[in-house]
Amino acid sequence: MPIVGPSDLDSLYVPPAEAIQKAVLPHLVSFHVAYLKMATFFCLATGRDHGLDASPRGGPPGFVHVLDPHTVAFADWPGNNRIESLRNLMEDSRVAMLFLFPGLEIFMRINGHAHVSTDAELVARMHEAGKKPKAVTVVRIDEVLFHCGKAINRARLWESQSHLDRRSLPTVGQMKAAMTGGGEDEARLMDAHYDRGVRSDLY
């Protein structure tokens, strides 16, 4: 199987239009801030020598806070406690953020460098549902850009008929039980625990 090199890429793809190049900015402007105020979900990519990680992050509109035109921050809320993203940032500060906006055919991307903070004032600012996070990720922006939503339409992501039937795939409990040697009763208990936690234990 042939491996594509840099010169091959240049022959396969035409250069991006000048307007697209100019739309990649090193800081936020008003329309970026407007989208961030409405943003409820993004995926965070981090890495280190140990490996790579991409994790989902969600919250109420504006959960990603704009500190200034060059800086955004967001809280770290309970997950599976692997804290791979935070561990990665201890070794490699590079991050990428990909924002999805439900119902809209557009993405927003932020690339930059980040650090983890426990500054008391910043932590207090990130409160949600009466709770304060243990830590906050602060991102210094290198690039911010909008990305076309063709992938959304290829996936038919926002169409109701694209919603999966829960019964068509193994449940979380069934998968965990299979990996730990548990039976059907254990799978049902795991499913009940997961369903309760994923909806109620958000903070």
N, C-alpha and C. Protein backbone atom coordinates (compact mmCIF):
# COMPACT_ATOMS: atom_id res chain seq x y z
N MET A 1 0.85 -1.19 0.00
CA MET A 1 0.00 0.00 0.00
C MET A 1 0.89 1.25 0.00
N PRO A 2 0.74 2.13 -1.01
CA PRO A 2 1.60 3.32 -1.07
C PRO A 2 1.31 4.29 0.06
N ILE A 3 2.37 4.93 0.55
CA ILE A 3 2.24 5.94 1.60
C ILE A 3 2.32 7.32 0.97
N VAL A 4 1.34 8.15 1.28
CA VAL A 4 1.28 9.50 0.71
C VAL A 4 2.26 10.42 1.43
N GLY A 5 3.06 11.16 0.68
CA GLY A 5 4.00 12.11 1.24
C GLY A 5 3.54 13.54 1.03
N PRO A 6 4.31 14.51 1.55
CA PRO A 6 3.93 15.93 1.43
C PRO A 6 3.72 16.39 -0.01
N SER A 7 4.59 15.97 -0.91
CA SER A 7 4.44 16.40 -2.30
C SER A 7 3.18 15.81 -2.93
N ASP A 8 2.83 14.60 -2.49
CA ASP A 8 1.60 13.97 -3.00
C ASP A 8 0.38 14.77 -2.56
N LEU A 9 0.38 15.22 -1.32
CA LEU A 9 -0.75 16.02 -0.83
C LEU A 9 -0.90 17.29 -1.66
N ASP A 10 0.22 17.92 -1.96
CA ASP A 10 0.17 19.15 -2.74
C ASP A 10 -0.39 18.91 -4.14
N SER A 11 -0.18 17.73 -4.67
CA SER A 11 -0.71 17.44 -6.00
C SER A 11 -2.17 17.00 -5.94
N LEU A 12 -2.58 16.44 -4.81
CA LEU A 12 -3.95 15.97 -4.67
C LEU A 12 -4.94 17.09 -4.38
N TYR A 13 -4.50 18.09 -3.62
CA TYR A 13 -5.41 19.14 -3.15
C TYR A 13 -4.95 20.52 -3.62
N VAL A 14 -5.92 21.32 -4.01
CA VAL A 14 -5.61 22.71 -4.36
C VAL A 14 -5.40 23.50 -3.08
N PRO A 15 -4.62 24.58 -3.11
CA PRO A 15 -4.40 25.39 -1.92
C PRO A 15 -5.71 26.02 -1.45
N PRO A 16 -5.85 26.28 -0.14
CA PRO A 16 -7.06 26.94 0.36
C PRO A 16 -7.18 28.34 -0.20
N ALA A 17 -8.41 28.79 -0.37
CA ALA A 17 -8.65 30.12 -0.90
C ALA A 17 -8.09 31.18 0.05
N GLU A 18 -7.77 32.35 -0.52
CA GLU A 18 -7.21 33.43 0.28
C GLU A 18 -8.16 33.83 1.42
N ALA A 19 -9.47 33.82 1.14
CA ALA A 19 -10.44 34.20 2.17
C ALA A 19 -10.39 33.23 3.35
N ILE A 20 -10.16 31.94 3.07
CA ILE A 20 -10.06 30.95 4.14
C ILE A 20 -8.80 31.17 4.96
N GLN A 21 -7.71 31.46 4.30
CA GLN A 21 -6.45 31.73 5.01
C GLN A 21 -6.58 32.94 5.93
N LYS A 22 -7.24 33.98 5.43
CA LYS A 22 -7.38 35.21 6.22
C LYS A 22 -8.34 35.03 7.39
N ALA A 23 -9.18 34.00 7.33
CA ALA A 23 -10.16 33.76 8.39
C ALA A 23 -9.55 33.04 9.59
N VAL A 24 -8.30 32.59 9.47
CA VAL A 24 -7.60 31.98 10.60
C VAL A 24 -6.92 33.10 11.38
N LEU A 25 -7.40 33.35 12.61
CA LEU A 25 -6.92 34.48 13.40
C LEU A 25 -6.19 34.02 14.65
N PRO A 26 -5.30 34.86 15.18
CA PRO A 26 -4.56 34.51 16.40
C PRO A 26 -5.27 34.95 17.68
N HIS A 27 -6.48 35.43 17.56
CA HIS A 27 -7.21 35.93 18.73
C HIS A 27 -8.70 35.93 18.41
N LEU A 28 -9.50 36.06 19.45
CA LEU A 28 -10.95 36.12 19.28
C LEU A 28 -11.39 37.50 18.82
N VAL A 29 -12.42 37.52 17.99
CA VAL A 29 -13.11 38.76 17.64
C VAL A 29 -14.58 38.59 18.04
N SER A 30 -15.38 39.60 17.79
CA SER A 30 -16.74 39.62 18.34
C SER A 30 -17.58 38.42 17.96
N PHE A 31 -17.46 37.96 16.70
CA PHE A 31 -18.31 36.84 16.30
C PHE A 31 -17.86 35.52 16.92
N HIS A 32 -16.55 35.36 17.21
CA HIS A 32 -16.12 34.19 17.95
C HIS A 32 -16.73 34.19 19.35
N VAL A 33 -16.70 35.35 19.99
CA VAL A 33 -17.24 35.47 21.35
C VAL A 33 -18.74 35.16 21.35
N ALA A 34 -19.45 35.63 20.33
CA ALA A 34 -20.89 35.36 20.24
C ALA A 34 -21.17 33.86 20.18
N TYR A 35 -20.37 33.12 19.40
CA TYR A 35 -20.56 31.68 19.33
C TYR A 35 -20.18 31.00 20.63
N LEU A 36 -19.12 31.46 21.29
CA LEU A 36 -18.71 30.85 22.55
C LEU A 36 -19.77 31.06 23.63
N LYS A 37 -20.46 32.18 23.59
CA LYS A 37 -21.53 32.42 24.57
C LYS A 37 -22.68 31.43 24.40
N MET A 38 -22.82 30.84 23.21
CA MET A 38 -23.89 29.88 22.95
C MET A 38 -23.39 28.43 22.97
N ALA A 39 -22.08 28.25 23.02
CA ALA A 39 -21.51 26.90 22.91
C ALA A 39 -21.86 26.04 24.12
N THR A 40 -22.28 24.79 23.86
CA THR A 40 -22.61 23.84 24.92
C THR A 40 -21.78 22.56 24.84
N PHE A 41 -20.96 22.40 23.78
CA PHE A 41 -20.22 21.15 23.62
C PHE A 41 -18.99 21.37 22.75
N PHE A 42 -17.88 20.74 23.17
CA PHE A 42 -16.70 20.67 22.31
C PHE A 42 -15.91 19.42 22.64
N CYS A 43 -15.04 19.03 21.72
CA CYS A 43 -14.10 17.93 21.96
C CYS A 43 -12.71 18.52 22.16
N LEU A 44 -12.02 18.03 23.17
CA LEU A 44 -10.69 18.52 23.52
C LEU A 44 -9.65 17.47 23.15
N ALA A 45 -8.66 17.86 22.34
CA ALA A 45 -7.58 16.97 21.95
C ALA A 45 -6.29 17.39 22.64
N THR A 46 -5.61 16.42 23.26
CA THR A 46 -4.33 16.64 23.92
C THR A 46 -3.41 15.47 23.61
N GLY A 47 -2.14 15.59 23.97
CA GLY A 47 -1.22 14.49 23.72
C GLY A 47 0.06 14.63 24.51
N ARG A 48 0.80 13.54 24.56
CA ARG A 48 2.13 13.48 25.16
C ARG A 48 2.82 12.24 24.61
N ASP A 49 4.04 11.96 25.05
CA ASP A 49 4.76 10.78 24.56
C ASP A 49 3.99 9.50 24.85
N HIS A 50 3.25 9.49 25.98
CA HIS A 50 2.50 8.31 26.39
C HIS A 50 1.37 7.99 25.40
N GLY A 51 0.83 9.03 24.74
CA GLY A 51 -0.25 8.80 23.79
C GLY A 51 -1.11 10.03 23.60
N LEU A 52 -2.21 9.85 22.87
CA LEU A 52 -3.11 10.94 22.52
C LEU A 52 -4.45 10.74 23.22
N ASP A 53 -5.22 11.82 23.31
CA ASP A 53 -6.52 11.74 23.94
C ASP A 53 -7.45 12.76 23.30
N ALA A 54 -8.69 12.37 23.11
CA ALA A 54 -9.74 13.30 22.68
C ALA A 54 -10.93 13.04 23.58
N SER A 55 -11.39 14.08 24.28
CA SER A 55 -12.47 13.88 25.24
C SER A 55 -13.56 14.92 25.05
N PRO A 56 -14.83 14.52 25.27
CA PRO A 56 -15.95 15.45 25.12
C PRO A 56 -16.09 16.34 26.35
N ARG A 57 -16.48 17.58 26.13
CA ARG A 57 -16.74 18.53 27.22
C ARG A 57 -18.06 19.23 26.94
N GLY A 58 -18.91 19.32 27.96
CA GLY A 58 -20.21 19.95 27.76
C GLY A 58 -20.64 20.74 28.97
N GLY A 59 -21.57 21.65 28.75
CA GLY A 59 -22.09 22.47 29.83
C GLY A 59 -23.16 23.41 29.32
N PRO A 60 -23.66 24.27 30.18
CA PRO A 60 -24.67 25.24 29.76
C PRO A 60 -24.04 26.26 28.81
N PRO A 61 -24.86 26.99 28.04
CA PRO A 61 -24.29 27.99 27.13
C PRO A 61 -23.32 28.92 27.85
N GLY A 62 -22.15 29.09 27.27
CA GLY A 62 -21.14 29.95 27.87
C GLY A 62 -20.25 29.26 28.88
N PHE A 63 -20.29 27.93 28.95
CA PHE A 63 -19.46 27.24 29.94
C PHE A 63 -17.96 27.36 29.63
N VAL A 64 -17.63 27.70 28.39
CA VAL A 64 -16.26 28.08 28.05
C VAL A 64 -16.18 29.60 28.19
N HIS A 65 -15.41 30.06 29.17
CA HIS A 65 -15.36 31.47 29.52
C HIS A 65 -14.28 32.20 28.72
N VAL A 66 -14.61 33.35 28.21
CA VAL A 66 -13.64 34.21 27.53
C VAL A 66 -13.00 35.11 28.58
N LEU A 67 -11.71 34.91 28.83
CA LEU A 67 -11.00 35.74 29.81
C LEU A 67 -10.48 37.02 29.18
N ASP A 68 -10.06 36.93 27.93
CA ASP A 68 -9.64 38.08 27.14
C ASP A 68 -9.56 37.61 25.69
N PRO A 69 -9.27 38.47 24.72
CA PRO A 69 -9.27 38.04 23.32
C PRO A 69 -8.28 36.91 22.99
N HIS A 70 -7.33 36.67 23.89
CA HIS A 70 -6.31 35.65 23.63
C HIS A 70 -6.47 34.42 24.52
N THR A 71 -7.47 34.41 25.40
CA THR A 71 -7.52 33.37 26.43
C THR A 71 -8.95 32.92 26.71
N VAL A 72 -9.15 31.61 26.77
CA VAL A 72 -10.43 31.04 27.23
C VAL A 72 -10.13 30.04 28.34
N ALA A 73 -11.16 29.70 29.11
CA ALA A 73 -10.98 28.76 30.21
C ALA A 73 -12.27 27.97 30.41
N PHE A 74 -12.12 26.76 30.93
CA PHE A 74 -13.29 25.93 31.22
C PHE A 74 -12.99 25.03 32.41
N ALA A 75 -14.06 24.65 33.12
CA ALA A 75 -13.93 23.83 34.32
C ALA A 75 -13.73 22.37 33.97
N ASP A 76 -13.08 21.64 34.87
CA ASP A 76 -12.99 20.20 34.75
C ASP A 76 -14.00 19.58 35.71
N TRP A 77 -14.99 18.91 35.16
CA TRP A 77 -16.04 18.29 35.96
C TRP A 77 -15.87 16.78 36.01
N PRO A 78 -16.52 16.08 36.95
CA PRO A 78 -16.30 14.64 37.12
C PRO A 78 -16.56 13.85 35.85
N GLY A 79 -15.69 12.90 35.60
CA GLY A 79 -15.84 11.96 34.49
C GLY A 79 -15.49 10.57 34.97
N ASN A 80 -14.57 9.91 34.24
CA ASN A 80 -14.19 8.56 34.64
C ASN A 80 -12.93 8.54 35.52
N ASN A 81 -12.42 9.73 35.84
CA ASN A 81 -11.25 9.89 36.72
C ASN A 81 -9.94 9.38 36.11
N ARG A 82 -9.93 9.14 34.81
CA ARG A 82 -8.66 8.82 34.15
C ARG A 82 -7.84 10.10 33.98
N ILE A 83 -8.51 11.24 33.91
CA ILE A 83 -7.92 12.59 33.77
C ILE A 83 -6.75 12.60 32.78
N GLU A 84 -6.95 11.92 31.65
CA GLU A 84 -5.89 11.84 30.65
C GLU A 84 -5.54 13.22 30.09
N SER A 85 -6.55 14.06 29.86
CA SER A 85 -6.27 15.38 29.31
C SER A 85 -5.38 16.19 30.25
N LEU A 86 -5.72 16.15 31.55
CA LEU A 86 -4.93 16.92 32.52
C LEU A 86 -3.51 16.36 32.63
N ARG A 87 -3.39 15.05 32.63
CA ARG A 87 -2.05 14.45 32.69
C ARG A 87 -1.23 14.82 31.44
N ASN A 88 -1.89 14.82 30.29
CA ASN A 88 -1.17 15.19 29.07
C ASN A 88 -0.62 16.60 29.16
N LEU A 89 -1.42 17.52 29.71
CA LEU A 89 -0.99 18.92 29.79
C LEU A 89 0.20 19.12 30.71
N MET A 90 0.44 18.18 31.60
CA MET A 90 1.62 18.27 32.46
C MET A 90 2.91 18.12 31.65
N GLU A 91 2.82 17.44 30.49
CA GLU A 91 3.99 17.19 29.66
C GLU A 91 3.99 17.96 28.35
N ASP A 92 2.81 18.21 27.80
CA ASP A 92 2.71 18.86 26.49
C ASP A 92 1.52 19.81 26.54
N SER A 93 1.77 21.08 26.40
CA SER A 93 0.72 22.09 26.59
C SER A 93 -0.17 22.30 25.37
N ARG A 94 0.13 21.64 24.27
CA ARG A 94 -0.66 21.85 23.05
C ARG A 94 -2.07 21.28 23.20
N VAL A 95 -3.06 22.05 22.73
CA VAL A 95 -4.45 21.59 22.76
C VAL A 95 -5.15 21.98 21.47
N ALA A 96 -6.22 21.25 21.16
CA ALA A 96 -7.11 21.62 20.06
C ALA A 96 -8.54 21.43 20.57
N MET A 97 -9.40 22.39 20.24
CA MET A 97 -10.80 22.36 20.68
C MET A 97 -11.69 22.42 19.44
N LEU A 98 -12.63 21.48 19.33
CA LEU A 98 -13.56 21.45 18.20
C LEU A 98 -14.98 21.60 18.75
N PHE A 99 -15.63 22.72 18.43
CA PHE A 99 -16.96 23.04 18.93
C PHE A 99 -18.03 22.61 17.94
N LEU A 100 -19.07 21.95 18.45
CA LEU A 100 -20.27 21.65 17.68
C LEU A 100 -21.42 22.48 18.22
N PHE A 101 -22.28 22.95 17.32
CA PHE A 101 -23.42 23.78 17.70
C PHE A 101 -24.70 23.09 17.23
N PRO A 102 -25.43 22.45 18.14
CA PRO A 102 -26.60 21.66 17.75
C PRO A 102 -27.54 22.43 16.82
N GLY A 103 -27.84 21.79 15.69
CA GLY A 103 -28.75 22.39 14.72
C GLY A 103 -28.09 23.27 13.69
N LEU A 104 -26.80 23.63 13.90
CA LEU A 104 -26.10 24.52 12.96
C LEU A 104 -25.11 23.73 12.12
N GLU A 105 -24.90 24.19 10.90
CA GLU A 105 -23.99 23.52 9.97
C GLU A 105 -22.65 24.24 9.95
N ILE A 106 -22.01 24.30 11.12
CA ILE A 106 -20.73 25.00 11.25
C ILE A 106 -20.00 24.47 12.47
N PHE A 107 -18.69 24.43 12.40
CA PHE A 107 -17.84 24.12 13.54
C PHE A 107 -16.99 25.34 13.86
N MET A 108 -16.49 25.41 15.09
CA MET A 108 -15.46 26.39 15.42
C MET A 108 -14.29 25.64 16.05
N ARG A 109 -13.08 26.05 15.68
CA ARG A 109 -11.89 25.38 16.19
C ARG A 109 -10.98 26.39 16.87
N ILE A 110 -10.41 25.97 17.99
CA ILE A 110 -9.39 26.75 18.68
C ILE A 110 -8.19 25.85 18.89
N ASN A 111 -7.02 26.30 18.45
CA ASN A 111 -5.76 25.62 18.71
C ASN A 111 -4.90 26.52 19.59
N GLY A 112 -4.22 25.93 20.54
CA GLY A 112 -3.40 26.77 21.41
C GLY A 112 -2.58 25.96 22.38
N HIS A 113 -2.19 26.61 23.47
CA HIS A 113 -1.43 25.98 24.54
C HIS A 113 -2.18 26.22 25.85
N ALA A 114 -2.17 25.21 26.71
CA ALA A 114 -3.00 25.28 27.90
C ALA A 114 -2.23 24.88 29.15
N HIS A 115 -2.75 25.31 30.29
CA HIS A 115 -2.25 24.85 31.58
C HIS A 115 -3.43 24.64 32.52
N VAL A 116 -3.21 23.87 33.56
CA VAL A 116 -4.24 23.59 34.56
C VAL A 116 -4.04 24.53 35.74
N SER A 117 -5.14 25.13 36.20
CA SER A 117 -5.07 26.10 37.29
C SER A 117 -6.03 25.72 38.42
N THR A 118 -5.61 26.01 39.65
CA THR A 118 -6.49 25.90 40.82
C THR A 118 -6.64 27.25 41.50
N ASP A 119 -6.39 28.31 40.75
CA ASP A 119 -6.56 29.66 41.29
C ASP A 119 -7.97 29.82 41.87
N ALA A 120 -8.05 30.24 43.12
CA ALA A 120 -9.33 30.26 43.83
C ALA A 120 -10.36 31.15 43.14
N GLU A 121 -9.93 32.32 42.68
CA GLU A 121 -10.86 33.24 42.02
C GLU A 121 -11.37 32.66 40.71
N LEU A 122 -10.48 32.04 39.96
CA LEU A 122 -10.86 31.46 38.68
C LEU A 122 -11.78 30.25 38.90
N VAL A 123 -11.45 29.41 39.85
CA VAL A 123 -12.29 28.25 40.16
C VAL A 123 -13.70 28.70 40.55
N ALA A 124 -13.79 29.74 41.39
CA ALA A 124 -15.09 30.23 41.82
C ALA A 124 -15.90 30.76 40.64
N ARG A 125 -15.21 31.37 39.68
CA ARG A 125 -15.88 31.93 38.49
C ARG A 125 -16.51 30.84 37.63
N MET A 126 -15.97 29.62 37.70
CA MET A 126 -16.43 28.54 36.84
C MET A 126 -17.58 27.74 37.44
N HIS A 127 -18.17 28.19 38.52
CA HIS A 127 -19.19 27.40 39.21
C HIS A 127 -20.38 27.11 38.30
N GLU A 128 -20.95 25.93 38.50
CA GLU A 128 -22.18 25.52 37.81
C GLU A 128 -23.04 24.74 38.79
N ALA A 129 -24.33 24.96 38.74
CA ALA A 129 -25.28 24.23 39.60
C ALA A 129 -24.88 24.29 41.06
N GLY A 130 -24.32 25.43 41.47
CA GLY A 130 -23.93 25.61 42.86
C GLY A 130 -22.67 24.88 43.26
N LYS A 131 -21.95 24.29 42.30
CA LYS A 131 -20.73 23.54 42.59
C LYS A 131 -19.52 24.23 41.97
N LYS A 132 -18.35 24.03 42.61
CA LYS A 132 -17.10 24.54 42.09
C LYS A 132 -16.23 23.37 41.63
N PRO A 133 -15.53 23.53 40.51
CA PRO A 133 -14.67 22.44 40.03
C PRO A 133 -13.39 22.35 40.86
N LYS A 134 -12.71 21.21 40.75
CA LYS A 134 -11.42 21.05 41.39
C LYS A 134 -10.33 21.84 40.67
N ALA A 135 -10.47 21.93 39.34
CA ALA A 135 -9.44 22.59 38.54
C ALA A 135 -10.06 23.21 37.30
N VAL A 136 -9.29 24.11 36.69
CA VAL A 136 -9.72 24.83 35.49
C VAL A 136 -8.60 24.71 34.45
N THR A 137 -8.99 24.49 33.20
CA THR A 137 -8.02 24.50 32.10
C THR A 137 -8.07 25.87 31.42
N VAL A 138 -6.91 26.49 31.33
CA VAL A 138 -6.78 27.83 30.72
C VAL A 138 -6.04 27.68 29.41
N VAL A 139 -6.64 28.16 28.32
CA VAL A 139 -6.09 27.98 26.98
C VAL A 139 -5.65 29.34 26.41
N ARG A 140 -4.39 29.42 26.05
CA ARG A 140 -3.87 30.59 25.34
C ARG A 140 -4.00 30.30 23.85
N ILE A 141 -4.73 31.14 23.14
CA ILE A 141 -5.10 30.87 21.75
C ILE A 141 -3.95 31.16 20.78
N ASP A 142 -3.66 30.19 19.93
CA ASP A 142 -2.74 30.39 18.81
C ASP A 142 -3.51 30.65 17.51
N GLU A 143 -4.59 29.87 17.32
CA GLU A 143 -5.41 29.99 16.12
C GLU A 143 -6.88 29.79 16.49
N VAL A 144 -7.75 30.55 15.84
CA VAL A 144 -9.18 30.32 15.94
C VAL A 144 -9.77 30.45 14.55
N LEU A 145 -10.66 29.53 14.21
CA LEU A 145 -11.23 29.55 12.87
C LEU A 145 -12.57 28.83 12.87
N PHE A 146 -13.40 29.17 11.88
CA PHE A 146 -14.64 28.44 11.64
C PHE A 146 -14.38 27.40 10.55
N HIS A 147 -15.14 26.31 10.62
CA HIS A 147 -14.95 25.18 9.72
C HIS A 147 -16.31 24.82 9.14
N CYS A 148 -16.36 24.56 7.86
CA CYS A 148 -17.65 24.28 7.21
C CYS A 148 -18.29 23.00 7.77
N GLY A 149 -19.61 22.92 7.65
CA GLY A 149 -20.36 21.82 8.26
C GLY A 149 -20.71 20.69 7.33
N LYS A 150 -19.89 20.45 6.30
CA LYS A 150 -20.22 19.36 5.37
C LYS A 150 -20.27 18.01 6.08
N ALA A 151 -19.40 17.81 7.06
CA ALA A 151 -19.39 16.53 7.79
C ALA A 151 -20.71 16.31 8.51
N ILE A 152 -21.32 17.39 9.00
CA ILE A 152 -22.61 17.28 9.69
C ILE A 152 -23.67 16.74 8.74
N ASN A 153 -23.67 17.26 7.51
CA ASN A 153 -24.67 16.82 6.54
C ASN A 153 -24.35 15.43 5.98
N ARG A 154 -23.07 15.12 5.86
CA ARG A 154 -22.73 13.76 5.43
C ARG A 154 -23.19 12.74 6.47
N ALA A 155 -23.09 13.10 7.74
CA ALA A 155 -23.53 12.21 8.82
C ALA A 155 -25.02 12.34 9.13
N ARG A 156 -25.66 13.38 8.55
CA ARG A 156 -27.06 13.69 8.89
C ARG A 156 -27.23 13.80 10.40
N LEU A 157 -26.25 14.48 11.01
CA LEU A 157 -26.13 14.47 12.46
C LEU A 157 -27.33 15.02 13.19
N TRP A 158 -27.93 16.08 12.67
CA TRP A 158 -29.02 16.73 13.40
C TRP A 158 -30.40 16.21 12.99
N GLU A 159 -30.46 15.23 12.09
CA GLU A 159 -31.75 14.72 11.65
C GLU A 159 -32.27 13.67 12.62
N SER A 160 -33.54 13.76 12.98
CA SER A 160 -34.11 12.85 13.97
C SER A 160 -34.02 11.39 13.53
N GLN A 161 -34.11 11.15 12.23
CA GLN A 161 -34.05 9.77 11.75
C GLN A 161 -32.65 9.17 11.89
N SER A 162 -31.66 10.00 12.23
CA SER A 162 -30.31 9.49 12.46
C SER A 162 -30.11 9.00 13.89
N HIS A 163 -31.06 9.30 14.78
CA HIS A 163 -30.94 8.84 16.16
C HIS A 163 -30.97 7.32 16.21
N LEU A 164 -30.05 6.75 16.95
CA LEU A 164 -29.92 5.30 17.02
C LEU A 164 -30.94 4.70 17.99
N ASP A 165 -31.40 3.51 17.67
CA ASP A 165 -32.24 2.73 18.57
C ASP A 165 -31.34 2.11 19.63
N ARG A 166 -31.57 2.44 20.89
CA ARG A 166 -30.73 1.95 21.97
C ARG A 166 -30.60 0.42 21.94
N ARG A 167 -31.64 -0.25 21.47
CA ARG A 167 -31.65 -1.72 21.45
C ARG A 167 -30.78 -2.31 20.33
N SER A 168 -30.28 -1.46 19.45
CA SER A 168 -29.51 -1.97 18.31
C SER A 168 -28.05 -2.22 18.65
N LEU A 169 -27.61 -1.80 19.84
CA LEU A 169 -26.21 -1.94 20.22
C LEU A 169 -26.12 -2.43 21.66
N PRO A 170 -25.00 -3.05 22.04
CA PRO A 170 -24.83 -3.48 23.43
C PRO A 170 -24.89 -2.27 24.38
N THR A 171 -25.46 -2.46 25.56
CA THR A 171 -25.52 -1.38 26.55
C THR A 171 -24.19 -1.26 27.27
N VAL A 172 -24.02 -0.16 28.00
CA VAL A 172 -22.80 0.03 28.79
C VAL A 172 -22.65 -1.12 29.79
N GLY A 173 -23.74 -1.49 30.44
CA GLY A 173 -23.67 -2.58 31.41
C GLY A 173 -23.28 -3.90 30.78
N GLN A 174 -23.82 -4.19 29.62
CA GLN A 174 -23.48 -5.44 28.92
C GLN A 174 -22.01 -5.47 28.54
N MET A 175 -21.49 -4.33 28.08
CA MET A 175 -20.07 -4.29 27.70
C MET A 175 -19.17 -4.44 28.91
N LYS A 176 -19.51 -3.74 30.01
CA LYS A 176 -18.69 -3.86 31.21
C LYS A 176 -18.72 -5.27 31.78
N ALA A 177 -19.92 -5.87 31.79
CA ALA A 177 -20.04 -7.22 32.30
C ALA A 177 -19.23 -8.20 31.47
N ALA A 178 -19.24 -8.02 30.16
CA ALA A 178 -18.46 -8.90 29.28
C ALA A 178 -16.97 -8.78 29.55
N MET A 179 -16.51 -7.57 29.84
CA MET A 179 -15.07 -7.35 30.07
C MET A 179 -14.63 -7.79 31.46
N THR A 180 -15.57 -7.83 32.41
CA THR A 180 -15.22 -8.21 33.79
C THR A 180 -15.69 -9.60 34.17
N GLY A 181 -16.32 -10.30 33.24
CA GLY A 181 -16.77 -11.65 33.51
C GLY A 181 -18.08 -11.73 34.26
N GLY A 182 -18.85 -10.66 34.26
CA GLY A 182 -20.12 -10.64 34.95
C GLY A 182 -21.24 -11.23 34.12
N GLY A 183 -22.38 -11.47 34.76
CA GLY A 183 -23.52 -12.04 34.07
C GLY A 183 -24.59 -11.00 33.77
N GLU A 184 -25.77 -11.49 33.39
CA GLU A 184 -26.86 -10.58 33.00
C GLU A 184 -27.34 -9.73 34.16
N ASP A 185 -27.40 -10.30 35.37
CA ASP A 185 -27.86 -9.52 36.53
C ASP A 185 -26.90 -8.36 36.81
N GLU A 186 -25.62 -8.64 36.72
CA GLU A 186 -24.63 -7.58 36.94
C GLU A 186 -24.72 -6.52 35.85
N ALA A 187 -24.97 -6.94 34.63
CA ALA A 187 -25.12 -6.00 33.52
C ALA A 187 -26.29 -5.05 33.76
N ARG A 188 -27.42 -5.60 34.24
CA ARG A 188 -28.59 -4.76 34.52
C ARG A 188 -28.30 -3.76 35.63
N LEU A 189 -27.58 -4.19 36.67
CA LEU A 189 -27.22 -3.28 37.76
C LEU A 189 -26.30 -2.17 37.25
N MET A 190 -25.33 -2.53 36.43
CA MET A 190 -24.42 -1.54 35.85
C MET A 190 -25.16 -0.55 34.98
N ASP A 191 -26.12 -1.03 34.20
CA ASP A 191 -26.91 -0.14 33.35
C ASP A 191 -27.71 0.85 34.20
N ALA A 192 -28.32 0.37 35.26
CA ALA A 192 -29.10 1.24 36.12
C ALA A 192 -28.21 2.29 36.77
N HIS A 193 -27.03 1.87 37.21
CA HIS A 193 -26.09 2.80 37.83
C HIS A 193 -25.61 3.84 36.81
N TYR A 194 -25.31 3.37 35.61
CA TYR A 194 -24.85 4.29 34.56
C TYR A 194 -25.93 5.28 34.17
N ASP A 195 -27.15 4.80 33.94
CA ASP A 195 -28.25 5.67 33.53
C ASP A 195 -28.50 6.76 34.57
N ARG A 196 -28.43 6.39 35.84
CA ARG A 196 -28.62 7.37 36.91
C ARG A 196 -27.46 8.38 36.95
N GLY A 197 -26.23 7.87 36.88
CA GLY A 197 -25.07 8.74 37.00
C GLY A 197 -24.90 9.69 35.84
N VAL A 198 -25.14 9.20 34.62
CA VAL A 198 -24.89 10.01 33.43
C VAL A 198 -25.89 11.15 33.31
N ARG A 199 -27.04 11.03 34.00
CA ARG A 199 -28.06 12.08 33.95
C ARG A 199 -28.07 12.95 35.20
N SER A 200 -27.66 12.39 36.34
CA SER A 200 -27.84 13.09 37.61
C SER A 200 -26.54 13.53 38.28
N ASP A 201 -25.48 12.73 38.17
CA ASP A 201 -24.23 13.05 38.88
C ASP A 201 -23.29 13.87 38.01
N LEU A 202 -23.76 15.04 37.59
CA LEU A 202 -23.03 15.85 36.61
C LEU A 202 -21.91 16.68 37.25
N TYR A 203 -22.07 17.01 38.51
CA TYR A 203 -21.09 17.88 39.16
C TYR A 203 -20.59 17.27 40.47
